[in-house]
Amino acid sequence: MALTLNHFSIRTTDLEASRRFYADVLGLSVGPRPPFPFPGLWMYRGPHDDMANAVVHLIGLDPQDPAGLEQYLGGRGTTALVGSGAVDHIAFFADGLAAMRTHLKAQGVSCRERTVPDIGLHQVFLEDPSGVVIELNYPATELPAAAA
């Protein structure tokens, strides 16, 4: 059996802040989403005609009307919506480290970086508005160019 990651979902009380983060910081775009009985957005990493590109599903929590979400996915209190919970982080392969560093600085997004020994991987860690840790993995060969 072969598995590939299809998407990850984030429950949020601030759908617009999450949309801005995934669009403005990571370059994803809002695309088609089925008419679920709760607010949300699907964020795509490529063309909107392929649902496999909807890599982030944002699930809006409306405290005034939680019934649709609770019936469809089950209920959770808002205290469970902060940080990554049992999931430590979500990682993406990426390229263009120098451009991303410049972009993160311009967006006012703080990050931390490290290079993994022996495997040629440089990691950039940042947090979305809900406190979910996002890891961007770059080829370590980009480091000399990114330093310039």
N, C-alpha and C. Protein backbone atom coordinates (compact mmCIF):
# COMPACT_ATOMS: atom_id res chain seq x y z
N MET A 1 0.84 -1.17 0.00
CA MET A 1 0.00 0.00 0.00
C MET A 1 0.89 1.24 0.00
N ALA A 2 0.62 2.17 -0.89
CA ALA A 2 1.37 3.42 -0.97
C ALA A 2 0.52 4.54 -0.39
N LEU A 3 1.12 5.35 0.46
CA LEU A 3 0.41 6.47 1.05
C LEU A 3 1.13 7.77 0.71
N THR A 4 0.36 8.80 0.45
CA THR A 4 0.90 10.15 0.33
C THR A 4 -0.02 11.07 1.13
N LEU A 5 0.53 12.14 1.63
CA LEU A 5 -0.28 13.09 2.39
C LEU A 5 -1.24 13.80 1.44
N ASN A 6 -2.51 13.80 1.79
CA ASN A 6 -3.53 14.45 0.99
C ASN A 6 -3.72 15.90 1.44
N HIS A 7 -3.96 16.11 2.72
CA HIS A 7 -4.14 17.46 3.25
C HIS A 7 -4.05 17.40 4.77
N PHE A 8 -3.99 18.58 5.38
CA PHE A 8 -4.20 18.65 6.81
C PHE A 8 -5.25 19.72 7.07
N SER A 9 -5.97 19.57 8.17
CA SER A 9 -7.05 20.49 8.51
C SER A 9 -6.72 21.23 9.80
N ILE A 10 -7.09 22.48 9.82
CA ILE A 10 -6.89 23.33 11.00
C ILE A 10 -8.26 23.88 11.39
N ARG A 11 -8.67 23.64 12.62
CA ARG A 11 -9.86 24.30 13.15
C ARG A 11 -9.42 25.65 13.71
N THR A 12 -10.16 26.69 13.37
CA THR A 12 -9.76 28.02 13.79
C THR A 12 -10.97 28.87 14.15
N THR A 13 -10.79 29.75 15.12
CA THR A 13 -11.82 30.73 15.44
C THR A 13 -11.62 32.01 14.64
N ASP A 14 -10.51 32.12 13.90
CA ASP A 14 -10.24 33.30 13.07
C ASP A 14 -9.89 32.83 11.66
N LEU A 15 -10.91 32.52 10.90
CA LEU A 15 -10.74 31.99 9.55
C LEU A 15 -9.96 32.96 8.66
N GLU A 16 -10.23 34.25 8.78
CA GLU A 16 -9.56 35.23 7.94
C GLU A 16 -8.06 35.33 8.25
N ALA A 17 -7.68 35.30 9.52
CA ALA A 17 -6.26 35.34 9.87
C ALA A 17 -5.54 34.10 9.34
N SER A 18 -6.19 32.96 9.41
CA SER A 18 -5.59 31.73 8.89
C SER A 18 -5.48 31.80 7.37
N ARG A 19 -6.51 32.32 6.70
CA ARG A 19 -6.45 32.47 5.25
C ARG A 19 -5.28 33.35 4.84
N ARG A 20 -5.15 34.49 5.53
CA ARG A 20 -4.04 35.41 5.20
C ARG A 20 -2.70 34.73 5.39
N PHE A 21 -2.52 33.97 6.47
CA PHE A 21 -1.25 33.30 6.71
C PHE A 21 -0.93 32.32 5.58
N TYR A 22 -1.84 31.43 5.27
CA TYR A 22 -1.55 30.40 4.27
C TYR A 22 -1.46 31.00 2.86
N ALA A 23 -2.14 32.10 2.61
CA ALA A 23 -2.03 32.77 1.30
C ALA A 23 -0.80 33.66 1.24
N ASP A 24 -0.68 34.58 2.19
CA ASP A 24 0.37 35.59 2.12
C ASP A 24 1.75 35.06 2.49
N VAL A 25 1.82 34.13 3.43
CA VAL A 25 3.11 33.62 3.88
C VAL A 25 3.54 32.41 3.06
N LEU A 26 2.64 31.45 2.85
CA LEU A 26 3.02 30.22 2.14
C LEU A 26 2.63 30.21 0.66
N GLY A 27 1.90 31.21 0.20
CA GLY A 27 1.59 31.32 -1.23
C GLY A 27 0.48 30.40 -1.71
N LEU A 28 -0.33 29.87 -0.80
CA LEU A 28 -1.46 29.04 -1.22
C LEU A 28 -2.62 29.95 -1.61
N SER A 29 -3.57 29.41 -2.36
CA SER A 29 -4.72 30.21 -2.77
C SER A 29 -6.02 29.49 -2.44
N VAL A 30 -7.05 30.28 -2.19
CA VAL A 30 -8.37 29.74 -1.88
C VAL A 30 -8.98 29.18 -3.15
N GLY A 31 -9.49 27.94 -3.06
CA GLY A 31 -10.11 27.31 -4.21
C GLY A 31 -11.42 26.65 -3.83
N PRO A 32 -11.97 25.87 -4.75
CA PRO A 32 -13.27 25.24 -4.52
C PRO A 32 -13.29 24.36 -3.28
N ARG A 33 -14.45 24.35 -2.64
CA ARG A 33 -14.68 23.55 -1.43
C ARG A 33 -16.12 23.07 -1.46
N PRO A 34 -16.35 21.83 -1.10
CA PRO A 34 -17.73 21.34 -1.05
C PRO A 34 -18.59 22.17 -0.08
N PRO A 35 -19.90 22.13 -0.26
CA PRO A 35 -20.79 22.93 0.61
C PRO A 35 -21.04 22.24 1.96
N PHE A 36 -20.01 22.21 2.79
CA PHE A 36 -20.14 21.62 4.11
C PHE A 36 -21.06 22.49 4.98
N PRO A 37 -21.65 21.93 6.04
CA PRO A 37 -22.56 22.70 6.89
C PRO A 37 -21.83 23.52 7.96
N PHE A 38 -20.65 24.01 7.64
CA PHE A 38 -19.87 24.84 8.56
C PHE A 38 -18.94 25.69 7.73
N PRO A 39 -18.47 26.82 8.27
CA PRO A 39 -17.57 27.70 7.52
C PRO A 39 -16.21 27.06 7.30
N GLY A 40 -15.55 27.46 6.23
CA GLY A 40 -14.21 26.96 5.98
C GLY A 40 -13.69 27.37 4.62
N LEU A 41 -12.43 27.06 4.39
CA LEU A 41 -11.76 27.36 3.13
C LEU A 41 -10.81 26.21 2.81
N TRP A 42 -10.67 25.92 1.54
CA TRP A 42 -9.64 24.98 1.09
C TRP A 42 -8.54 25.80 0.42
N MET A 43 -7.30 25.59 0.86
CA MET A 43 -6.15 26.32 0.35
C MET A 43 -5.36 25.39 -0.58
N TYR A 44 -5.13 25.86 -1.81
CA TYR A 44 -4.51 25.05 -2.85
C TYR A 44 -3.06 25.48 -3.10
N ARG A 45 -2.22 24.51 -3.46
CA ARG A 45 -0.83 24.77 -3.81
C ARG A 45 -0.60 24.78 -5.32
N GLY A 46 -1.63 24.69 -6.08
CA GLY A 46 -1.53 24.68 -7.54
C GLY A 46 -2.90 24.90 -8.14
N PRO A 47 -3.10 24.40 -9.35
CA PRO A 47 -4.37 24.62 -10.03
C PRO A 47 -5.57 24.13 -9.22
N HIS A 48 -6.64 24.90 -9.30
CA HIS A 48 -7.85 24.61 -8.54
C HIS A 48 -8.69 23.51 -9.16
N ASP A 49 -8.33 23.02 -10.33
CA ASP A 49 -9.13 21.98 -10.97
C ASP A 49 -8.76 20.58 -10.49
N ASP A 50 -7.77 20.48 -9.61
CA ASP A 50 -7.35 19.20 -9.05
C ASP A 50 -7.44 19.27 -7.53
N MET A 51 -8.41 18.57 -6.94
CA MET A 51 -8.60 18.64 -5.49
C MET A 51 -7.41 18.10 -4.71
N ALA A 52 -6.52 17.35 -5.36
CA ALA A 52 -5.31 16.89 -4.68
C ALA A 52 -4.41 18.07 -4.32
N ASN A 53 -4.63 19.21 -4.95
CA ASN A 53 -3.85 20.41 -4.64
C ASN A 53 -4.39 21.18 -3.43
N ALA A 54 -5.52 20.77 -2.89
CA ALA A 54 -6.10 21.42 -1.71
C ALA A 54 -5.43 20.84 -0.47
N VAL A 55 -4.22 21.33 -0.19
CA VAL A 55 -3.38 20.71 0.83
C VAL A 55 -3.68 21.16 2.26
N VAL A 56 -4.37 22.30 2.41
CA VAL A 56 -4.74 22.78 3.74
C VAL A 56 -6.24 23.05 3.74
N HIS A 57 -6.93 22.42 4.67
CA HIS A 57 -8.36 22.66 4.85
C HIS A 57 -8.54 23.46 6.13
N LEU A 58 -9.03 24.68 5.99
CA LEU A 58 -9.30 25.53 7.15
C LEU A 58 -10.75 25.34 7.55
N ILE A 59 -10.97 25.04 8.82
CA ILE A 59 -12.30 24.78 9.34
C ILE A 59 -12.64 25.89 10.31
N GLY A 60 -13.64 26.70 9.94
CA GLY A 60 -14.04 27.82 10.78
C GLY A 60 -14.95 27.37 11.90
N LEU A 61 -14.63 27.79 13.10
CA LEU A 61 -15.46 27.49 14.26
C LEU A 61 -16.30 28.72 14.56
N ASP A 62 -17.60 28.58 14.41
CA ASP A 62 -18.52 29.66 14.72
C ASP A 62 -19.15 29.38 16.07
N PRO A 63 -18.70 30.04 17.14
CA PRO A 63 -19.22 29.76 18.49
C PRO A 63 -20.72 30.02 18.59
N GLN A 64 -21.26 30.87 17.71
CA GLN A 64 -22.69 31.18 17.75
C GLN A 64 -23.53 30.10 17.07
N ASP A 65 -22.88 29.28 16.21
CA ASP A 65 -23.61 28.24 15.47
C ASP A 65 -22.70 27.05 15.20
N PRO A 66 -22.35 26.28 16.24
CA PRO A 66 -21.42 25.17 16.05
C PRO A 66 -22.08 23.87 15.58
N ALA A 67 -23.40 23.86 15.41
CA ALA A 67 -24.12 22.61 15.15
C ALA A 67 -23.63 21.88 13.90
N GLY A 68 -23.47 22.58 12.79
CA GLY A 68 -23.05 21.92 11.55
C GLY A 68 -21.70 21.24 11.68
N LEU A 69 -20.75 21.93 12.29
CA LEU A 69 -19.42 21.36 12.48
C LEU A 69 -19.47 20.18 13.45
N GLU A 70 -20.18 20.34 14.54
CA GLU A 70 -20.26 19.27 15.54
C GLU A 70 -20.90 18.01 14.96
N GLN A 71 -21.93 18.18 14.12
CA GLN A 71 -22.59 17.03 13.52
C GLN A 71 -21.70 16.35 12.48
N TYR A 72 -20.89 17.14 11.77
CA TYR A 72 -20.09 16.59 10.69
C TYR A 72 -18.77 16.01 11.17
N LEU A 73 -18.05 16.74 12.01
CA LEU A 73 -16.72 16.32 12.46
C LEU A 73 -16.61 16.05 13.95
N GLY A 74 -17.64 16.39 14.69
CA GLY A 74 -17.56 16.23 16.14
C GLY A 74 -17.14 17.53 16.80
N GLY A 75 -17.50 17.69 18.04
CA GLY A 75 -17.21 18.93 18.75
C GLY A 75 -15.88 18.90 19.48
N ARG A 76 -15.31 20.06 19.65
CA ARG A 76 -14.11 20.26 20.46
C ARG A 76 -14.21 21.65 21.07
N GLY A 77 -13.76 21.79 22.27
CA GLY A 77 -13.74 23.10 22.89
C GLY A 77 -12.67 23.98 22.28
N THR A 78 -12.82 25.28 22.44
CA THR A 78 -11.84 26.20 21.86
C THR A 78 -10.46 26.06 22.48
N THR A 79 -10.39 25.56 23.72
CA THR A 79 -9.07 25.38 24.34
C THR A 79 -8.26 24.32 23.61
N ALA A 80 -8.91 23.41 22.89
CA ALA A 80 -8.20 22.37 22.13
C ALA A 80 -7.69 22.89 20.79
N LEU A 81 -7.99 24.15 20.46
CA LEU A 81 -7.66 24.68 19.14
C LEU A 81 -6.36 25.47 19.11
N VAL A 82 -5.59 25.44 20.17
CA VAL A 82 -4.35 26.22 20.22
C VAL A 82 -3.15 25.30 20.07
N GLY A 83 -2.24 25.65 19.20
CA GLY A 83 -1.02 24.86 19.02
C GLY A 83 -1.27 23.61 18.21
N SER A 84 -0.32 22.73 18.23
CA SER A 84 -0.38 21.53 17.41
C SER A 84 -0.91 20.32 18.16
N GLY A 85 -1.26 20.47 19.44
CA GLY A 85 -1.77 19.33 20.20
C GLY A 85 -0.78 18.19 20.16
N ALA A 86 -1.25 16.99 19.87
CA ALA A 86 -0.37 15.83 19.81
C ALA A 86 0.47 15.81 18.54
N VAL A 87 0.07 16.57 17.54
CA VAL A 87 0.86 16.67 16.30
C VAL A 87 1.92 17.74 16.52
N ASP A 88 3.18 17.39 16.35
CA ASP A 88 4.25 18.35 16.62
C ASP A 88 4.35 19.43 15.54
N HIS A 89 4.28 19.04 14.27
CA HIS A 89 4.36 20.02 13.20
C HIS A 89 3.92 19.40 11.88
N ILE A 90 3.69 20.27 10.89
CA ILE A 90 3.37 19.87 9.53
C ILE A 90 4.52 20.37 8.67
N ALA A 91 5.04 19.51 7.77
CA ALA A 91 6.21 19.89 6.98
C ALA A 91 5.90 19.87 5.48
N PHE A 92 6.54 20.82 4.78
CA PHE A 92 6.47 20.91 3.32
C PHE A 92 7.89 20.90 2.76
N PHE A 93 8.11 20.24 1.63
CA PHE A 93 9.34 20.45 0.88
C PHE A 93 9.19 21.79 0.17
N ALA A 94 10.29 22.52 0.04
CA ALA A 94 10.25 23.84 -0.58
C ALA A 94 11.56 24.11 -1.30
N ASP A 95 11.55 25.17 -2.08
CA ASP A 95 12.80 25.68 -2.66
C ASP A 95 12.71 27.20 -2.65
N GLY A 96 13.85 27.85 -2.82
CA GLY A 96 13.88 29.30 -2.78
C GLY A 96 14.05 29.85 -1.37
N LEU A 97 15.02 29.33 -0.64
CA LEU A 97 15.26 29.73 0.75
C LEU A 97 15.51 31.23 0.88
N ALA A 98 16.36 31.79 0.06
CA ALA A 98 16.68 33.23 0.18
C ALA A 98 15.43 34.07 -0.01
N ALA A 99 14.63 33.74 -1.00
CA ALA A 99 13.40 34.49 -1.24
C ALA A 99 12.43 34.33 -0.08
N MET A 100 12.34 33.15 0.49
CA MET A 100 11.43 32.94 1.62
C MET A 100 11.89 33.72 2.84
N ARG A 101 13.19 33.76 3.10
CA ARG A 101 13.68 34.55 4.23
C ARG A 101 13.28 36.02 4.07
N THR A 102 13.47 36.55 2.88
CA THR A 102 13.10 37.94 2.60
C THR A 102 11.59 38.12 2.76
N HIS A 103 10.83 37.18 2.25
CA HIS A 103 9.37 37.24 2.32
C HIS A 103 8.88 37.19 3.77
N LEU A 104 9.42 36.28 4.57
CA LEU A 104 9.00 36.18 5.96
C LEU A 104 9.30 37.47 6.72
N LYS A 105 10.46 38.05 6.45
CA LYS A 105 10.83 39.31 7.11
C LYS A 105 9.84 40.41 6.72
N ALA A 106 9.51 40.49 5.44
CA ALA A 106 8.57 41.51 4.97
C ALA A 106 7.17 41.31 5.56
N GLN A 107 6.79 40.05 5.80
CA GLN A 107 5.48 39.74 6.39
C GLN A 107 5.48 39.87 7.91
N GLY A 108 6.66 40.08 8.50
CA GLY A 108 6.76 40.18 9.95
C GLY A 108 6.56 38.84 10.65
N VAL A 109 6.91 37.76 9.95
CA VAL A 109 6.75 36.41 10.51
C VAL A 109 8.09 35.95 11.05
N SER A 110 8.12 35.64 12.34
CA SER A 110 9.37 35.15 12.92
C SER A 110 9.50 33.65 12.65
N CYS A 111 10.75 33.20 12.60
CA CYS A 111 11.01 31.79 12.34
C CYS A 111 12.30 31.40 13.03
N ARG A 112 12.53 30.11 13.08
CA ARG A 112 13.81 29.60 13.55
C ARG A 112 14.29 28.59 12.51
N GLU A 113 15.60 28.47 12.40
CA GLU A 113 16.19 27.62 11.36
C GLU A 113 17.21 26.68 11.96
N ARG A 114 17.40 25.57 11.26
CA ARG A 114 18.47 24.65 11.61
C ARG A 114 18.75 23.77 10.39
N THR A 115 19.97 23.26 10.35
CA THR A 115 20.36 22.33 9.29
C THR A 115 20.51 20.95 9.91
N VAL A 116 19.88 19.97 9.29
CA VAL A 116 19.94 18.59 9.80
C VAL A 116 21.27 17.99 9.34
N PRO A 117 22.06 17.49 10.27
CA PRO A 117 23.36 16.92 9.89
C PRO A 117 23.21 15.70 8.98
N ASP A 118 24.10 15.60 8.06
CA ASP A 118 24.30 14.40 7.23
C ASP A 118 23.23 14.12 6.18
N ILE A 119 22.14 14.88 6.12
CA ILE A 119 21.14 14.54 5.10
C ILE A 119 20.86 15.67 4.12
N GLY A 120 21.61 16.77 4.22
CA GLY A 120 21.47 17.85 3.24
C GLY A 120 20.14 18.57 3.30
N LEU A 121 19.62 18.78 4.51
CA LEU A 121 18.30 19.40 4.67
C LEU A 121 18.40 20.59 5.60
N HIS A 122 17.86 21.74 5.15
CA HIS A 122 17.79 22.93 5.99
C HIS A 122 16.32 23.20 6.30
N GLN A 123 16.01 23.40 7.58
CA GLN A 123 14.64 23.55 8.02
C GLN A 123 14.35 24.96 8.51
N VAL A 124 13.16 25.46 8.17
CA VAL A 124 12.66 26.73 8.65
C VAL A 124 11.34 26.43 9.36
N PHE A 125 11.23 26.85 10.62
CA PHE A 125 10.03 26.61 11.41
C PHE A 125 9.31 27.93 11.68
N LEU A 126 8.00 27.95 11.51
CA LEU A 126 7.19 29.11 11.81
C LEU A 126 5.85 28.63 12.35
N GLU A 127 5.03 29.54 12.84
CA GLU A 127 3.73 29.17 13.39
C GLU A 127 2.62 29.91 12.68
N ASP A 128 1.50 29.20 12.44
CA ASP A 128 0.33 29.84 11.85
C ASP A 128 -0.42 30.58 12.95
N PRO A 129 -1.49 31.32 12.62
CA PRO A 129 -2.19 32.10 13.65
C PRO A 129 -2.79 31.27 14.78
N SER A 130 -2.99 29.97 14.57
CA SER A 130 -3.52 29.11 15.63
C SER A 130 -2.41 28.46 16.45
N GLY A 131 -1.16 28.76 16.13
CA GLY A 131 -0.04 28.18 16.85
C GLY A 131 0.41 26.84 16.32
N VAL A 132 -0.08 26.45 15.14
CA VAL A 132 0.36 25.21 14.52
C VAL A 132 1.74 25.43 13.91
N VAL A 133 2.67 24.56 14.22
CA VAL A 133 4.04 24.70 13.73
C VAL A 133 4.11 24.17 12.30
N ILE A 134 4.65 25.01 11.42
CA ILE A 134 4.86 24.66 10.01
C ILE A 134 6.36 24.57 9.79
N GLU A 135 6.81 23.49 9.18
CA GLU A 135 8.22 23.28 8.85
C GLU A 135 8.38 23.34 7.34
N LEU A 136 9.30 24.17 6.88
CA LEU A 136 9.63 24.25 5.45
C LEU A 136 11.00 23.62 5.28
N ASN A 137 11.11 22.61 4.43
CA ASN A 137 12.36 21.88 4.22
C ASN A 137 12.98 22.28 2.89
N TYR A 138 14.21 22.80 2.97
CA TYR A 138 14.95 23.25 1.79
C TYR A 138 16.20 22.40 1.61
N PRO A 139 16.66 22.25 0.38
CA PRO A 139 17.95 21.60 0.19
C PRO A 139 19.03 22.45 0.87
N ALA A 140 19.89 21.85 1.66
CA ALA A 140 20.95 22.58 2.34
C ALA A 140 21.89 23.26 1.36
N THR A 141 21.89 22.80 0.13
CA THR A 141 22.73 23.43 -0.90
C THR A 141 22.30 24.87 -1.18
N GLU A 142 21.10 25.25 -0.76
CA GLU A 142 20.64 26.64 -0.93
C GLU A 142 21.23 27.60 0.09
N LEU A 143 21.84 27.07 1.15
CA LEU A 143 22.36 27.93 2.21
C LEU A 143 23.38 28.96 1.73
N PRO A 144 24.39 28.60 0.94
CA PRO A 144 25.33 29.63 0.50
C PRO A 144 24.66 30.76 -0.28
N ALA A 145 23.70 30.43 -1.15
CA ALA A 145 23.01 31.44 -1.92
C ALA A 145 22.12 32.28 -1.02
N ALA A 146 21.50 31.67 -0.01
CA ALA A 146 20.60 32.39 0.89
C ALA A 146 21.37 33.34 1.79
N ALA A 147 22.64 33.07 2.05
CA ALA A 147 23.45 33.92 2.91
C ALA A 147 23.85 35.21 2.21
N ALA A 148 23.82 35.18 0.89
CA ALA A 148 24.27 36.36 0.11
C ALA A 148 23.27 37.48 0.17
